[in-house]
Amino acid sequence: MFTVIGFMLTGITVGYLFRNIAFLQKTEKTISITIFLLLFLLGISVGSNELIINNLAAFGWQAAILAFSATCGSILASWMVLKFFFKKGGEQ
């Protein structure tokens, strides 16, 4: 886990230092394609796993509950940030 965090922080540092290079500014589309490819490969991996497919009904409900809870929590947190830090009329 520390290796992954280290790679991410190294990438952030390199990206910050070389942010004015035109090549690095055009990587957004490639990143999106790479993420889609990774999601596709993850789907293939899940689809080929017999244990997951056989227990999809049980996992499906748990996943739906977790996704719904995470979405509600994110909406609540963003509403609180908006309410407490970005008040109307320039008040803070």
N, C-alpha and C. Protein backbone atom coordinates (compact mmCIF):
# COMPACT_ATOMS: atom_id res chain seq x y z
N MET A 1 0.82 -1.19 0.00
CA MET A 1 0.00 0.00 0.00
C MET A 1 0.87 1.25 0.00
N PHE A 2 1.96 1.22 0.74
CA PHE A 2 2.84 2.39 0.76
C PHE A 2 3.51 2.60 -0.60
N THR A 3 3.71 1.51 -1.32
CA THR A 3 4.28 1.63 -2.66
C THR A 3 3.33 2.38 -3.59
N VAL A 4 2.04 2.05 -3.52
CA VAL A 4 1.04 2.72 -4.36
C VAL A 4 0.96 4.20 -4.00
N ILE A 5 0.92 4.51 -2.71
CA ILE A 5 0.86 5.91 -2.27
C ILE A 5 2.13 6.64 -2.70
N GLY A 6 3.27 5.97 -2.59
CA GLY A 6 4.54 6.58 -3.01
C GLY A 6 4.56 6.90 -4.49
N PHE A 7 4.07 5.96 -5.32
CA PHE A 7 3.99 6.22 -6.76
C PHE A 7 3.06 7.38 -7.06
N MET A 8 1.93 7.44 -6.35
CA MET A 8 0.98 8.53 -6.60
C MET A 8 1.59 9.87 -6.20
N LEU A 9 2.23 9.94 -5.05
CA LEU A 9 2.85 11.20 -4.62
C LEU A 9 3.99 11.60 -5.54
N THR A 10 4.76 10.63 -6.03
CA THR A 10 5.82 10.93 -6.99
C THR A 10 5.23 11.48 -8.28
N GLY A 11 4.14 10.88 -8.75
CA GLY A 11 3.48 11.38 -9.95
C GLY A 11 2.94 12.79 -9.77
N ILE A 12 2.37 13.06 -8.61
CA ILE A 12 1.86 14.41 -8.33
C ILE A 12 3.01 15.42 -8.35
N THR A 13 4.12 15.05 -7.73
CA THR A 13 5.28 15.95 -7.68
C THR A 13 5.84 16.21 -9.08
N VAL A 14 6.01 15.16 -9.86
CA VAL A 14 6.53 15.32 -11.23
C VAL A 14 5.55 16.13 -12.07
N GLY A 15 4.26 15.85 -11.93
CA GLY A 15 3.25 16.61 -12.67
C GLY A 15 3.25 18.08 -12.30
N TYR A 16 3.46 18.37 -11.03
CA TYR A 16 3.49 19.77 -10.58
C TYR A 16 4.74 20.48 -11.12
N LEU A 17 5.87 19.78 -11.06
CA LEU A 17 7.12 20.41 -11.51
C LEU A 17 7.14 20.66 -13.02
N PHE A 18 6.51 19.75 -13.79
CA PHE A 18 6.53 19.86 -15.25
C PHE A 18 5.16 20.22 -15.81
N ARG A 19 4.37 20.98 -15.08
CA ARG A 19 3.00 21.28 -15.49
C ARG A 19 2.90 22.19 -16.71
N ASN A 20 3.97 22.87 -17.07
CA ASN A 20 3.93 23.78 -18.23
C ASN A 20 4.32 23.11 -19.53
N ILE A 21 4.69 21.85 -19.50
CA ILE A 21 5.06 21.13 -20.72
C ILE A 21 3.78 20.73 -21.46
N ALA A 22 3.73 21.04 -22.75
CA ALA A 22 2.51 20.83 -23.55
C ALA A 22 2.12 19.36 -23.61
N PHE A 23 3.09 18.45 -23.67
CA PHE A 23 2.80 17.03 -23.76
C PHE A 23 2.01 16.55 -22.54
N LEU A 24 2.37 17.01 -21.37
CA LEU A 24 1.68 16.57 -20.15
C LEU A 24 0.29 17.16 -20.03
N GLN A 25 0.04 18.26 -20.70
CA GLN A 25 -1.28 18.87 -20.66
C GLN A 25 -2.27 18.15 -21.56
N LYS A 26 -1.80 17.28 -22.45
CA LYS A 26 -2.67 16.57 -23.38
C LYS A 26 -2.91 15.12 -22.97
N THR A 27 -2.62 14.77 -21.74
CA THR A 27 -2.76 13.38 -21.30
C THR A 27 -4.15 13.04 -20.78
N GLU A 28 -5.04 14.01 -20.70
CA GLU A 28 -6.37 13.77 -20.12
C GLU A 28 -7.15 12.71 -20.89
N LYS A 29 -7.14 12.76 -22.21
CA LYS A 29 -7.89 11.79 -23.00
C LYS A 29 -7.28 10.39 -22.85
N THR A 30 -5.96 10.31 -22.82
CA THR A 30 -5.31 9.01 -22.64
C THR A 30 -5.62 8.41 -21.29
N ILE A 31 -5.70 9.24 -20.27
CA ILE A 31 -6.03 8.76 -18.94
C ILE A 31 -7.44 8.20 -18.91
N SER A 32 -8.37 8.88 -19.57
CA SER A 32 -9.75 8.39 -19.61
C SER A 32 -9.83 7.05 -20.32
N ILE A 33 -9.14 6.91 -21.44
CA ILE A 33 -9.14 5.64 -22.17
C ILE A 33 -8.53 4.53 -21.31
N THR A 34 -7.45 4.85 -20.60
CA THR A 34 -6.81 3.85 -19.74
C THR A 34 -7.74 3.41 -18.61
N ILE A 35 -8.47 4.35 -18.02
CA ILE A 35 -9.41 4.00 -16.95
C ILE A 35 -10.52 3.11 -17.49
N PHE A 36 -11.04 3.42 -18.68
CA PHE A 36 -12.07 2.58 -19.28
C PHE A 36 -11.54 1.18 -19.56
N LEU A 37 -10.32 1.09 -20.03
CA LEU A 37 -9.71 -0.21 -20.29
C LEU A 37 -9.55 -1.01 -19.00
N LEU A 38 -9.10 -0.35 -17.93
CA LEU A 38 -8.96 -1.02 -16.65
C LEU A 38 -10.31 -1.50 -16.11
N LEU A 39 -11.35 -0.70 -16.27
CA LEU A 39 -12.68 -1.12 -15.83
C LEU A 39 -13.18 -2.31 -16.64
N PHE A 40 -12.89 -2.31 -17.94
CA PHE A 40 -13.27 -3.44 -18.79
C PHE A 40 -12.55 -4.71 -18.35
N LEU A 41 -11.26 -4.60 -18.08
CA LEU A 41 -10.50 -5.77 -17.62
C LEU A 41 -10.97 -6.23 -16.24
N LEU A 42 -11.36 -5.30 -15.39
CA LEU A 42 -11.92 -5.68 -14.09
C LEU A 42 -13.23 -6.43 -14.29
N GLY A 43 -14.05 -6.00 -15.23
CA GLY A 43 -15.29 -6.70 -15.54
C GLY A 43 -15.04 -8.10 -16.05
N ILE A 44 -14.02 -8.27 -16.89
CA ILE A 44 -13.67 -9.60 -17.36
C ILE A 44 -13.24 -10.48 -16.20
N SER A 45 -12.45 -9.92 -15.30
CA SER A 45 -11.98 -10.67 -14.14
C SER A 45 -13.14 -11.09 -13.24
N VAL A 46 -14.07 -10.20 -13.00
CA VAL A 46 -15.24 -10.53 -12.17
C VAL A 46 -16.11 -11.55 -12.88
N GLY A 47 -16.32 -11.37 -14.17
CA GLY A 47 -17.17 -12.28 -14.93
C GLY A 47 -16.61 -13.70 -15.02
N SER A 48 -15.30 -13.84 -14.96
CA SER A 48 -14.70 -15.17 -15.05
C SER A 48 -14.53 -15.84 -13.68
N ASN A 49 -14.84 -15.14 -12.61
CA ASN A 49 -14.71 -15.71 -11.27
C ASN A 49 -16.02 -16.41 -10.89
N GLU A 50 -15.97 -17.72 -10.79
CA GLU A 50 -17.17 -18.53 -10.49
C GLU A 50 -17.77 -18.17 -9.14
N LEU A 51 -16.93 -17.93 -8.15
CA LEU A 51 -17.42 -17.62 -6.81
C LEU A 51 -18.27 -16.35 -6.80
N ILE A 52 -17.79 -15.34 -7.47
CA ILE A 52 -18.54 -14.07 -7.52
C ILE A 52 -19.83 -14.25 -8.30
N ILE A 53 -19.78 -14.92 -9.44
CA ILE A 53 -20.97 -15.10 -10.27
C ILE A 53 -22.02 -15.92 -9.53
N ASN A 54 -21.60 -16.98 -8.83
CA ASN A 54 -22.55 -17.82 -8.10
C ASN A 54 -23.19 -17.11 -6.92
N ASN A 55 -22.51 -16.13 -6.35
CA ASN A 55 -23.02 -15.40 -5.19
C ASN A 55 -23.38 -13.96 -5.54
N LEU A 56 -23.68 -13.71 -6.79
CA LEU A 56 -23.95 -12.34 -7.26
C LEU A 56 -25.16 -11.72 -6.57
N ALA A 57 -26.18 -12.51 -6.27
CA ALA A 57 -27.37 -11.96 -5.61
C ALA A 57 -27.01 -11.40 -4.24
N ALA A 58 -26.24 -12.14 -3.47
CA ALA A 58 -25.86 -11.66 -2.13
C ALA A 58 -24.91 -10.47 -2.23
N PHE A 59 -23.91 -10.57 -3.11
CA PHE A 59 -22.97 -9.46 -3.27
C PHE A 59 -23.65 -8.23 -3.86
N GLY A 60 -24.61 -8.45 -4.73
CA GLY A 60 -25.30 -7.34 -5.39
C GLY A 60 -26.02 -6.43 -4.42
N TRP A 61 -26.73 -7.02 -3.47
CA TRP A 61 -27.44 -6.21 -2.48
C TRP A 61 -26.47 -5.44 -1.60
N GLN A 62 -25.41 -6.10 -1.17
CA GLN A 62 -24.41 -5.43 -0.34
C GLN A 62 -23.76 -4.28 -1.10
N ALA A 63 -23.43 -4.53 -2.35
CA ALA A 63 -22.80 -3.49 -3.17
C ALA A 63 -23.76 -2.32 -3.40
N ALA A 64 -25.03 -2.61 -3.63
CA ALA A 64 -26.01 -1.54 -3.84
C ALA A 64 -26.17 -0.69 -2.58
N ILE A 65 -26.22 -1.34 -1.44
CA ILE A 65 -26.35 -0.61 -0.17
C ILE A 65 -25.11 0.26 0.08
N LEU A 66 -23.93 -0.30 -0.15
CA LEU A 66 -22.70 0.48 0.02
C LEU A 66 -22.64 1.66 -0.94
N ALA A 67 -23.00 1.43 -2.20
CA ALA A 67 -22.97 2.52 -3.18
C ALA A 67 -23.97 3.61 -2.83
N PHE A 68 -25.17 3.22 -2.41
CA PHE A 68 -26.19 4.19 -2.03
C PHE A 68 -25.74 4.99 -0.82
N SER A 69 -25.18 4.30 0.18
CA SER A 69 -24.71 4.99 1.38
C SER A 69 -23.57 5.96 1.06
N ALA A 70 -22.65 5.53 0.22
CA ALA A 70 -21.53 6.40 -0.15
C ALA A 70 -22.02 7.62 -0.91
N THR A 71 -22.98 7.44 -1.80
CA THR A 71 -23.53 8.57 -2.55
C THR A 71 -24.24 9.55 -1.62
N CYS A 72 -25.05 9.03 -0.71
CA CYS A 72 -25.74 9.91 0.24
C CYS A 72 -24.75 10.64 1.13
N GLY A 73 -23.71 9.96 1.58
CA GLY A 73 -22.68 10.61 2.40
C GLY A 73 -21.95 11.69 1.65
N SER A 74 -21.65 11.46 0.38
CA SER A 74 -20.97 12.48 -0.43
C SER A 74 -21.86 13.69 -0.66
N ILE A 75 -23.13 13.46 -0.91
CA ILE A 75 -24.07 14.57 -1.10
C ILE A 75 -24.19 15.38 0.18
N LEU A 76 -24.30 14.69 1.31
CA LEU A 76 -24.41 15.38 2.60
C LEU A 76 -23.15 16.19 2.90
N ALA A 77 -21.98 15.60 2.68
CA ALA A 77 -20.73 16.30 2.94
C ALA A 77 -20.57 17.51 2.03
N SER A 78 -20.90 17.39 0.75
CA SER A 78 -20.76 18.54 -0.15
C SER A 78 -21.78 19.62 0.19
N TRP A 79 -22.97 19.24 0.63
CA TRP A 79 -23.96 20.23 1.05
C TRP A 79 -23.46 20.99 2.27
N MET A 80 -22.85 20.27 3.23
CA MET A 80 -22.34 20.92 4.44
C MET A 80 -21.20 21.88 4.10
N VAL A 81 -20.31 21.48 3.20
CA VAL A 81 -19.22 22.37 2.77
C VAL A 81 -19.79 23.61 2.10
N LEU A 82 -20.77 23.41 1.23
CA LEU A 82 -21.41 24.55 0.55
C LEU A 82 -22.07 25.48 1.55
N LYS A 83 -22.77 24.92 2.53
CA LYS A 83 -23.50 25.73 3.50
C LYS A 83 -22.57 26.49 4.44
N PHE A 84 -21.53 25.82 4.93
CA PHE A 84 -20.68 26.44 5.95
C PHE A 84 -19.52 27.26 5.39
N PHE A 85 -19.07 26.98 4.17
CA PHE A 85 -17.90 27.68 3.65
C PHE A 85 -18.22 28.63 2.49
N PHE A 86 -19.35 28.47 1.84
CA PHE A 86 -19.69 29.30 0.68
C PHE A 86 -21.09 29.89 0.88
N LYS A 87 -21.22 30.75 1.86
CA LYS A 87 -22.51 31.38 2.13
C LYS A 87 -22.79 32.46 1.09
N LYS A 88 -24.08 32.75 0.89
CA LYS A 88 -24.49 33.77 -0.08
C LYS A 88 -24.11 35.16 0.41
N GLY A 89 -23.90 36.06 -0.52
CA GLY A 89 -23.63 37.46 -0.19
C GLY A 89 -22.22 37.70 0.28
N GLY A 90 -21.32 36.76 0.13
CA GLY A 90 -19.94 36.96 0.52
C GLY A 90 -19.71 36.80 2.01
N GLU A 91 -20.72 36.41 2.75
CA GLU A 91 -20.55 36.20 4.19
C GLU A 91 -19.76 34.94 4.43
N GLN A 92 -18.89 34.97 5.45
CA GLN A 92 -18.14 33.78 5.81
C GLN A 92 -18.14 33.60 7.30
